[in-house]
PDB file of N, CA and C in Angstrom:
ATOM      1  N   MET A   1    -190.029   4.403 176.222  1.00  0.00           N
ATOM      2  CA  MET A   1    -189.363   5.063 176.840  1.00  0.00           C
ATOM      3  C   MET A   1    -188.572   4.134 177.961  1.00  0.00           C
ATOM      4  N   VAL A   2    -187.186   4.328 177.826  1.00  0.00           N
ATOM      5  CA  VAL A   2    -186.552   3.443 178.910  1.00  0.00           C
ATOM      6  C   VAL A   2    -186.621   2.971 179.956  1.00  0.00           C
ATOM      7  N   GLY A   3    -186.709   2.231 181.214  1.00  0.00           N
ATOM      8  CA  GLY A   3    -187.074   2.912 182.089  1.00  0.00           C
ATOM      9  C   GLY A   3    -187.896   4.015 182.779  1.00  0.00           C
ATOM     10  N   ASP A   4    -187.374   4.418 183.540  1.00  0.00           N
ATOM     11  CA  ASP A   4    -188.045   6.088 184.579  1.00  0.00           C
ATOM     12  C   ASP A   4    -186.998   7.252 183.845  1.00  0.00           C
ATOM     13  N   PHE A   5    -186.518   7.241 182.998  1.00  0.00           N
ATOM     14  CA  PHE A   5    -185.566   7.787 182.394  1.00  0.00           C
ATOM     15  C   PHE A   5    -186.343   9.329 181.381  1.00  0.00           C
ATOM     16  N   ASP A   6    -186.028  10.535 181.735  1.00  0.00           N
ATOM     17  CA  ASP A   6    -187.164  11.399 181.074  1.00  0.00           C
ATOM     18  C   ASP A   6    -185.998  12.023 179.946  1.00  0.00           C
ATOM     19  N   THR A   7    -186.294  11.203 178.407  1.00  0.00           N
ATOM     20  CA  THR A   7    -185.519  11.991 177.417  1.00  0.00           C
ATOM     21  C   THR A   7    -185.749  13.263 177.187  1.00  0.00           C
ATOM     22  N   TYR A   8    -186.912  14.254 177.728  1.00  0.00           N
ATOM     23  CA  TYR A   8    -187.251  15.126 177.001  1.00  0.00           C
ATOM     24  C   TYR A   8    -185.682  16.046 178.235  1.00  0.00           C
ATOM     25  N   LYS A   9    -186.113  15.596 179.678  1.00  0.00           N
ATOM     26  CA  LYS A   9    -185.208  16.818 180.227  1.00  0.00           C
ATOM     27  C   LYS A   9    -183.355  16.108 179.944  1.00  0.00           C
ATOM     28  N   TRP A  10    -183.497  14.923 179.386  1.00  0.00           N
ATOM     29  CA  TRP A  10    -181.796  14.717 178.850  1.00  0.00           C
ATOM     30  C   TRP A  10    -181.448  15.725 177.646  1.00  0.00           C
ATOM     31  N   PHE A  11    -182.154  15.315 176.443  1.00  0.00           N
ATOM     32  CA  PHE A  11    -182.006  16.331 175.339  1.00  0.00           C
ATOM     33  C   PHE A  11    -182.112  17.821 175.929  1.00  0.00           C
ATOM     34  N   LYS A  12    -182.450  18.853 176.490  1.00  0.00           N
ATOM     35  CA  LYS A  12    -182.664  19.750 177.253  1.00  0.00           C
ATOM     36  C   LYS A  12    -181.496  20.093 177.717  1.00  0.00           C
ATOM     37  N   LYS A  13    -181.138  19.383 178.666  1.00  0.00           N
ATOM     38  CA  LYS A  13    -179.456  19.136 179.508  1.00  0.00           C
ATOM     39  C   LYS A  13    -178.515  19.338 178.332  1.00  0.00           C
ATOM     40  N   GLN A  14    -178.160  18.536 177.281  1.00  0.00           N
ATOM     41  CA  GLN A  14    -177.113  18.406 176.173  1.00  0.00           C
ATOM     42  C   GLN A  14    -177.269  19.298 175.558  1.00  0.00           C
ATOM     43  N   TYR A  15    -178.665  20.199 175.208  1.00  0.00           N
ATOM     44  CA  TYR A  15    -178.445  21.567 174.217  1.00  0.00           C
ATOM     45  C   TYR A  15    -177.925  22.825 174.963  1.00  0.00           C
ATOM     46  N   LYS A  16    -178.542  22.456 176.406  1.00  0.00           N
ATOM     47  CA  LYS A  16    -177.906  24.032 177.334  1.00  0.00           C
ATOM     48  C   LYS A  16    -176.589  23.670 177.494  1.00  0.00           C
ATOM     49  N   GLU A  17    -175.935  22.612 177.474  1.00  0.00           N
ATOM     50  CA  GLU A  17    -174.218  22.255 177.588  1.00  0.00           C
ATOM     51  C   GLU A  17    -173.787  22.630 176.253  1.00  0.00           C
ATOM     52  N   GLU A  18    -174.351  22.030 175.019  1.00  0.00           N
ATOM     53  CA  GLU A  18    -173.816  22.258 173.995  1.00  0.00           C
ATOM     54  C   GLU A  18    -173.933  24.060 173.752  1.00  0.00           C
ATOM     55  N   SER A  19    -175.229  24.363 173.923  1.00  0.00           N
ATOM     56  CA  SER A  19    -174.891  25.888 173.294  1.00  0.00           C
ATOM     57  C   SER A  19    -174.600  26.607 173.554  1.00  0.00           C
ATOM     58  N   ASN A  20    -173.571  26.274 174.801  1.00  0.00           N
ATOM     59  CA  ASN A  20    -172.435  27.446 175.664  1.00  0.00           C
ATOM     60  C   ASN A  20    -170.899  27.180 175.087  1.00  0.00           C
ATOM     61  N   ILE A  21    -171.229  26.145 174.096  1.00  0.00           N
ATOM     62  CA  ILE A  21    -169.861  26.160 173.182  1.00  0.00           C
ATOM     63  C   ILE A  21    -170.470  26.051 172.012  1.00  0.00           C
ATOM     64  N   ASN A  22    -171.008  26.271 171.191  1.00  0.00           N
ATOM     65  CA  ASN A  22    -171.932  26.916 169.631  1.00  0.00           C
ATOM     66  C   ASN A  22    -172.947  27.468 169.918  1.00  0.00           C
ATOM     67  N   GLU A  23    -172.532  28.905 169.597  1.00  0.00           N
ATOM     68  CA  GLU A  23    -173.761  29.736 169.215  1.00  0.00           C
ATOM     69  C   GLU A  23    -174.628  29.823 168.448  1.00  0.00           C
ATOM     70  N   SER A  24    -174.029  28.786 167.398  1.00  0.00           N
ATOM     71  CA  SER A  24    -174.868  28.329 166.323  1.00  0.00           C
ATOM     72  C   SER A  24    -176.225  27.410 166.535  1.00  0.00           C
ATOM     73  N   TRP A  25    -176.368  27.301 167.548  1.00  0.00           N
ATOM     74  CA  TRP A  25    -177.544  26.451 168.176  1.00  0.00           C
ATOM     75  C   TRP A  25    -178.786  27.197 167.924  1.00  0.00           C
ATOM     76  N   LEU A  26    -179.836  26.110 167.956  1.00  0.00           N
ATOM     77  CA  LEU A  26    -180.874  27.085 168.132  1.00  0.00           C
ATOM     78  C   LEU A  26    -181.259  27.828 169.662  1.00  0.00           C
ATOM     79  N   GLY A  27    -181.877  29.185 169.876  1.00  0.00           N
ATOM     80  CA  GLY A  27    -182.229  29.588 170.653  1.00  0.00           C
ATOM     81  C   GLY A  27    -183.862  28.932 171.415  1.00  0.00           C
ATOM     82  N   PRO A  28    -184.213  29.540 172.883  1.00  0.00           N
ATOM     83  CA  PRO A  28    -184.773  29.229 173.545  1.00  0.00           C
ATOM     84  C   PRO A  28    -186.392  29.454 172.876  1.00  0.00           C
ATOM     85  N   ASP A  29    -186.268  30.686 172.207  1.00  0.00           N
ATOM     86  CA  ASP A  29    -187.794  30.921 171.297  1.00  0.00           C
ATOM     87  C   ASP A  29    -187.962  29.598 170.288  1.00  0.00           C
ATOM     88  N   GLN A  30    -186.648  29.461 169.710  1.00  0.00           N
ATOM     89  CA  GLN A  30    -186.927  28.604 168.339  1.00  0.00           C
ATOM     90  C   GLN A  30    -187.173  27.245 168.981  1.00  0.00           C
ATOM     91  N   ILE A  31    -186.674  26.929 169.710  1.00  0.00           N
ATOM     92  CA  ILE A  31    -187.092  25.565 170.422  1.00  0.00           C
ATOM     93  C   ILE A  31    -188.357  25.559 170.688  1.00  0.00           C
ATOM     94  N   ASP A  32    -188.909  26.612 171.081  1.00  0.00           N
ATOM     95  CA  ASP A  32    -190.313  26.790 171.859  1.00  0.00           C
ATOM     96  C   ASP A  32    -191.468  26.853 170.630  1.00  0.00           C
ATOM     97  N   ARG A  33    -190.733  27.366 169.284  1.00  0.00           N
ATOM     98  CA  ARG A  33    -191.748  27.636 168.460  1.00  0.00           C
ATOM     99  C   ARG A  33    -191.745  25.842 167.914  1.00  0.00           C
ATOM    100  N   PHE A  34    -191.064  25.413 167.624  1.00  0.00           N
ATOM    101  CA  PHE A  34    -190.690  23.810 167.250  1.00  0.00           C
ATOM    102  C   PHE A  34    -191.333  22.842 167.908  1.00  0.00           C
ATOM    103  N   GLU A  35    -191.208  23.253 169.374  1.00  0.00           N
ATOM    104  CA  GLU A  35    -192.394  22.088 170.035  1.00  0.00           C
ATOM    105  C   GLU A  35    -193.852  22.795 170.165  1.00  0.00           C
ATOM    106  N   GLY A  36    -194.035  24.385 169.945  1.00  0.00           N
ATOM    107  CA  GLY A  36    -195.208  24.223 169.799  1.00  0.00           C
ATOM    108  C   GLY A  36    -196.214  24.090 168.551  1.00  0.00           C
ATOM    109  N   THR A  37    -195.315  23.713 167.335  1.00  0.00           N
ATOM    110  CA  THR A  37    -196.202  23.521 165.885  1.00  0.00           C
ATOM    111  C   THR A  37    -196.114  21.666 166.004  1.00  0.00           C
ATOM    112  N   ALA A  38    -195.368  21.131 166.712  1.00  0.00           N
ATOM    113  CA  ALA A  38    -195.456  19.765 166.662  1.00  0.00           C
ATOM    114  C   ALA A  38    -196.453  18.873 166.973  1.00  0.00           C
ATOM    115  N   ASN A  39    -196.394  17.956 166.739  1.00  0.00           N
ATOM    116  CA  ASN A  39    -197.460  16.693 167.940  1.00  0.00           C
ATOM    117  C   ASN A  39    -196.654  16.359 168.660  1.00  0.00           C
ATOM    118  N   MET A  40    -196.817  16.445 169.783  1.00  0.00           N
ATOM    119  CA  MET A  40    -196.148  16.527 170.939  1.00  0.00           C
ATOM    120  C   MET A  40    -195.942  15.005 171.384  1.00  0.00           C
ATOM    121  N   ARG A  41    -197.149  13.958 170.738  1.00  0.00           N
ATOM    122  CA  ARG A  41    -196.595  12.365 170.547  1.00  0.00           C
ATOM    123  C   ARG A  41    -195.423  11.808 169.608  1.00  0.00           C
ATOM    124  N   ASP A  42    -195.615  12.611 168.862  1.00  0.00           N
ATOM    125  CA  ASP A  42    -194.457  12.308 167.981  1.00  0.00           C
ATOM    126  C   ASP A  42    -193.017  12.954 168.017  1.00  0.00           C
ATOM    127  N   LEU A  43    -193.140  13.772 168.750  1.00  0.00           N
ATOM    128  CA  LEU A  43    -192.165  14.550 168.815  1.00  0.00           C
ATOM    129  C   LEU A  43    -191.226  14.032 170.406  1.00  0.00           C
ATOM    130  N   LYS A  44    -191.979  13.021 171.187  1.00  0.00           N
ATOM    131  CA  LYS A  44    -191.282  12.254 172.130  1.00  0.00           C
ATOM    132  C   LYS A  44    -191.005  11.415 171.623  1.00  0.00           C
ATOM    133  N   THR A  45    -192.270  10.546 170.228  1.00  0.00           N
ATOM    134  CA  THR A  45    -191.787   9.288 170.263  1.00  0.00           C
ATOM    135  C   THR A  45    -190.202   9.320 169.184  1.00  0.00           C
ATOM    136  N   LEU A  46    -190.310  10.630 168.544  1.00  0.00           N
ATOM    137  CA  LEU A  46    -188.684  10.744 167.884  1.00  0.00           C
ATOM    138  C   LEU A  46    -187.369  11.196 168.797  1.00  0.00           C
ATOM    139  N   GLN A  47    -187.844  11.712 170.180  1.00  0.00           N
ATOM    140  CA  GLN A  47    -186.974  11.879 171.102  1.00  0.00           C
ATOM    141  C   GLN A  47    -186.533  10.516 171.674  1.00  0.00           C
ATOM    142  N   ASP A  48    -187.346   9.103 171.936  1.00  0.00           N
ATOM    143  CA  ASP A  48    -187.025   8.758 172.711  1.00  0.00           C
ATOM    144  C   ASP A  48    -186.251   7.636 171.791  1.00  0.00           C
ATOM    145  N   MET A  49    -186.607   7.320 170.157  1.00  0.00           N
ATOM    146  CA  MET A  49    -185.868   7.153 169.247  1.00  0.00           C
ATOM    147  C   MET A  49    -184.376   7.198 169.268  1.00  0.00           C
ATOM    148  N   ILE A  50    -184.292   8.627 169.296  1.00  0.00           N
ATOM    149  CA  ILE A  50    -182.854   9.173 169.015  1.00  0.00           C
ATOM    150  C   ILE A  50    -182.055   8.544 170.153  1.00  0.00           C
ATOM    151  N   PHE A  51    -182.629   8.735 171.424  1.00  0.00           N
ATOM    152  CA  PHE A  51    -181.692   8.576 172.701  1.00  0.00           C
ATOM    153  C   PHE A  51    -181.290   6.913 172.867  1.00  0.00           C
ATOM    154  N   VAL A  52    -182.671   5.701 172.063  1.00  0.00           N
ATOM    155  CA  VAL A  52    -182.046   4.631 172.219  1.00  0.00           C
ATOM    156  C   VAL A  52    -181.077   4.563 171.244  1.00  0.00           C
ATOM    157  N   LEU A  53    -181.467   4.975 169.986  1.00  0.00           N
ATOM    158  CA  LEU A  53    -180.808   4.881 168.930  1.00  0.00           C
ATOM    159  C   LEU A  53    -178.886   4.950 169.223  1.00  0.00           C
ATOM    160  N   SER A  54    -178.832   6.479 169.802  1.00  0.00           N
ATOM    161  CA  SER A  54    -177.694   7.179 169.936  1.00  0.00           C
ATOM    162  C   SER A  54    -177.133   6.073 171.113  1.00  0.00           C
ATOM    163  N   THR A  55    -177.657   5.728 172.106  1.00  0.00           N
ATOM    164  CA  THR A  55    -177.230   4.939 173.106  1.00  0.00           C
ATOM    165  C   THR A  55    -176.339   3.564 172.796  1.00  0.00           C
ATOM    166  N   ASP A  56    -177.185   3.093 171.807  1.00  0.00           N
ATOM    167  CA  ASP A  56    -176.754   1.944 171.259  1.00  0.00           C
ATOM    168  C   ASP A  56    -175.438   2.229 170.340  1.00  0.00           C
ATOM    169  N   TRP A  57    -175.544   2.965 169.499  1.00  0.00           N
ATOM    170  CA  TRP A  57    -174.518   3.695 168.622  1.00  0.00           C
ATOM    171  C   TRP A  57    -172.835   3.984 169.295  1.00  0.00           C
ATOM    172  N   MET A  58    -173.183   4.778 170.490  1.00  0.00           N
ATOM    173  CA  MET A  58    -172.318   5.133 171.209  1.00  0.00           C
ATOM    174  C   MET A  58    -171.794   3.833 171.930  1.00  0.00           C
ATOM    175  N   GLN A  59    -172.312   3.244 172.581  1.00  0.00           N
ATOM    176  CA  GLN A  59    -171.964   1.608 172.560  1.00  0.00           C
ATOM    177  C   GLN A  59    -171.021   1.060 172.193  1.00  0.00           C
ATOM    178  N   GLU A  60    -171.356   1.239 170.732  1.00  0.00           N
ATOM    179  CA  GLU A  60    -170.667   0.866 169.313  1.00  0.00           C
ATOM    180  C   GLU A  60    -169.337   1.525 169.124  1.00  0.00           C
ATOM    181  N   GLY A  61    -169.294   2.479 169.941  1.00  0.00           N
ATOM    182  CA  GLY A  61    -167.973   3.530 169.645  1.00  0.00           C
ATOM    183  C   GLY A  61    -168.061   4.630 168.854  1.00  0.00           C
ATOM    184  N   PHE A  62    -169.418   5.178 168.332  1.00  0.00           N
ATOM    185  CA  PHE A  62    -169.255   6.424 167.369  1.00  0.00           C
ATOM    186  C   PHE A  62    -169.635   7.804 168.456  1.00  0.00           C
ATOM    187  N   GLU A  63    -168.964   8.426 168.353  1.00  0.00           N
ATOM    188  CA  GLU A  63    -168.949   9.833 168.605  1.00  0.00           C
ATOM    189  C   GLU A  63    -170.356  10.255 168.732  1.00  0.00           C
ATOM    190  N   LYS A  64    -170.515  11.252 169.727  1.00  0.00           N
ATOM    191  CA  LYS A  64    -171.800  11.961 169.970  1.00  0.00           C
ATOM    192  C   LYS A  64    -171.932  12.674 168.279  1.00  0.00           C
ATOM    193  N   GLY A  65    -170.677  13.317 167.897  1.00  0.00           N
ATOM    194  CA  GLY A  65    -170.821  14.099 167.220  1.00  0.00           C
ATOM    195  C   GLY A  65    -170.784  13.320 165.209  1.00  0.00           C
ATOM    196  N   ASP A  66    -170.513  12.429 165.467  1.00  0.00           N
ATOM    197  CA  ASP A  66    -170.777  11.109 164.743  1.00  0.00           C
ATOM    198  C   ASP A  66    -172.259  10.967 164.112  1.00  0.00           C
ATOM    199  N   ILE A  67    -172.708  10.832 165.313  1.00  0.00           N
ATOM    200  CA  ILE A  67    -174.389  11.054 165.393  1.00  0.00           C
ATOM    201  C   ILE A  67    -175.086  11.959 164.876  1.00  0.00           C
ATOM    202  N   LYS A  68    -174.715  13.173 165.207  1.00  0.00           N
ATOM    203  CA  LYS A  68    -175.001  13.999 164.499  1.00  0.00           C
ATOM    204  C   LYS A  68    -175.141  14.378 163.404  1.00  0.00           C
ATOM    205  N   GLU A  69    -173.889  14.218 162.704  1.00  0.00           N
ATOM    206  CA  GLU A  69    -173.513  13.885 161.312  1.00  0.00           C
ATOM    207  C   GLU A  69    -174.535  12.931 160.594  1.00  0.00           C
ATOM    208  N   TYR A  70    -174.731  12.000 161.146  1.00  0.00           N
ATOM    209  CA  TYR A  70    -176.041  10.627 160.345  1.00  0.00           C
ATOM    210  C   TYR A  70    -177.104  11.296 160.459  1.00  0.00           C
ATOM    211  N   ILE A  71    -177.639  11.848 161.417  1.00  0.00           N
ATOM    212  CA  ILE A  71    -178.885  12.592 161.749  1.00  0.00           C
ATOM    213  C   ILE A  71    -179.319  13.629 160.849  1.00  0.00           C
ATOM    214  N   ASN A  72    -178.334  14.243 160.828  1.00  0.00           N
ATOM    215  CA  ASN A  72    -178.177  15.512 159.976  1.00  0.00           C
ATOM    216  C   ASN A  72    -178.534  14.866 158.087  1.00  0.00           C
ATOM    217  N   HIS A  73    -177.355  13.931 157.819  1.00  0.00           N
ATOM    218  CA  HIS A  73    -177.728  13.312 156.341  1.00  0.00           C
ATOM    219  C   HIS A  73    -178.612  12.499 156.447  1.00  0.00           C
ATOM    220  N   LEU A  74    -179.720  12.534 157.421  1.00  0.00           N
ATOM    221  CA  LEU A  74    -180.939  11.656 157.046  1.00  0.00           C
ATOM    222  C   LEU A  74    -181.928  12.504 156.919  1.00  0.00           C
ATOM    223  N   ILE A  75    -182.218  13.564 157.622  1.00  0.00           N
ATOM    224  CA  ILE A  75    -182.572  14.713 157.313  1.00  0.00           C
ATOM    225  C   ILE A  75    -182.638  15.121 155.479  1.00  0.00           C
ATOM    226  N   ASP A  76    -182.015  15.752 155.478  1.00  0.00           N
ATOM    227  CA  ASP A  76    -180.987  15.813 154.057  1.00  0.00           C
ATOM    228  C   ASP A  76    -181.260  15.212 153.172  1.00  0.00           C
ATOM    229  N   LYS A  77    -181.413  13.628 153.281  1.00  0.00           N
ATOM    230  CA  LYS A  77    -182.245  12.916 152.166  1.00  0.00           C
ATOM    231  C   LYS A  77    -183.538  12.784 151.861  1.00  0.00           C
ATOM    232  N   SER A  78    -184.222  13.553 153.104  1.00  0.00           N
ATOM    233  CA  SER A  78    -185.693  13.390 153.087  1.00  0.00           C
ATOM    234  C   SER A  78    -186.269  14.793 152.237  1.00  0.00           C
TER     235      SER A  78
END
């Protein structure tokens, strides 16, 4: 984790802000289900790494939407 920054709260805030814009996002029940079935240590590592990488990419000029598309690309390749 970078400093005292709470990545989990940041991502929750991002989700809440964007869920008002895009209704196709997961609902709270689905998020709870994902989080309930995940190894919390692995999930925290994933959140931290997404935060670090996306911060670097945004500093390099990538837009948030581009980063999401790239992450979706990685998931689709798996």
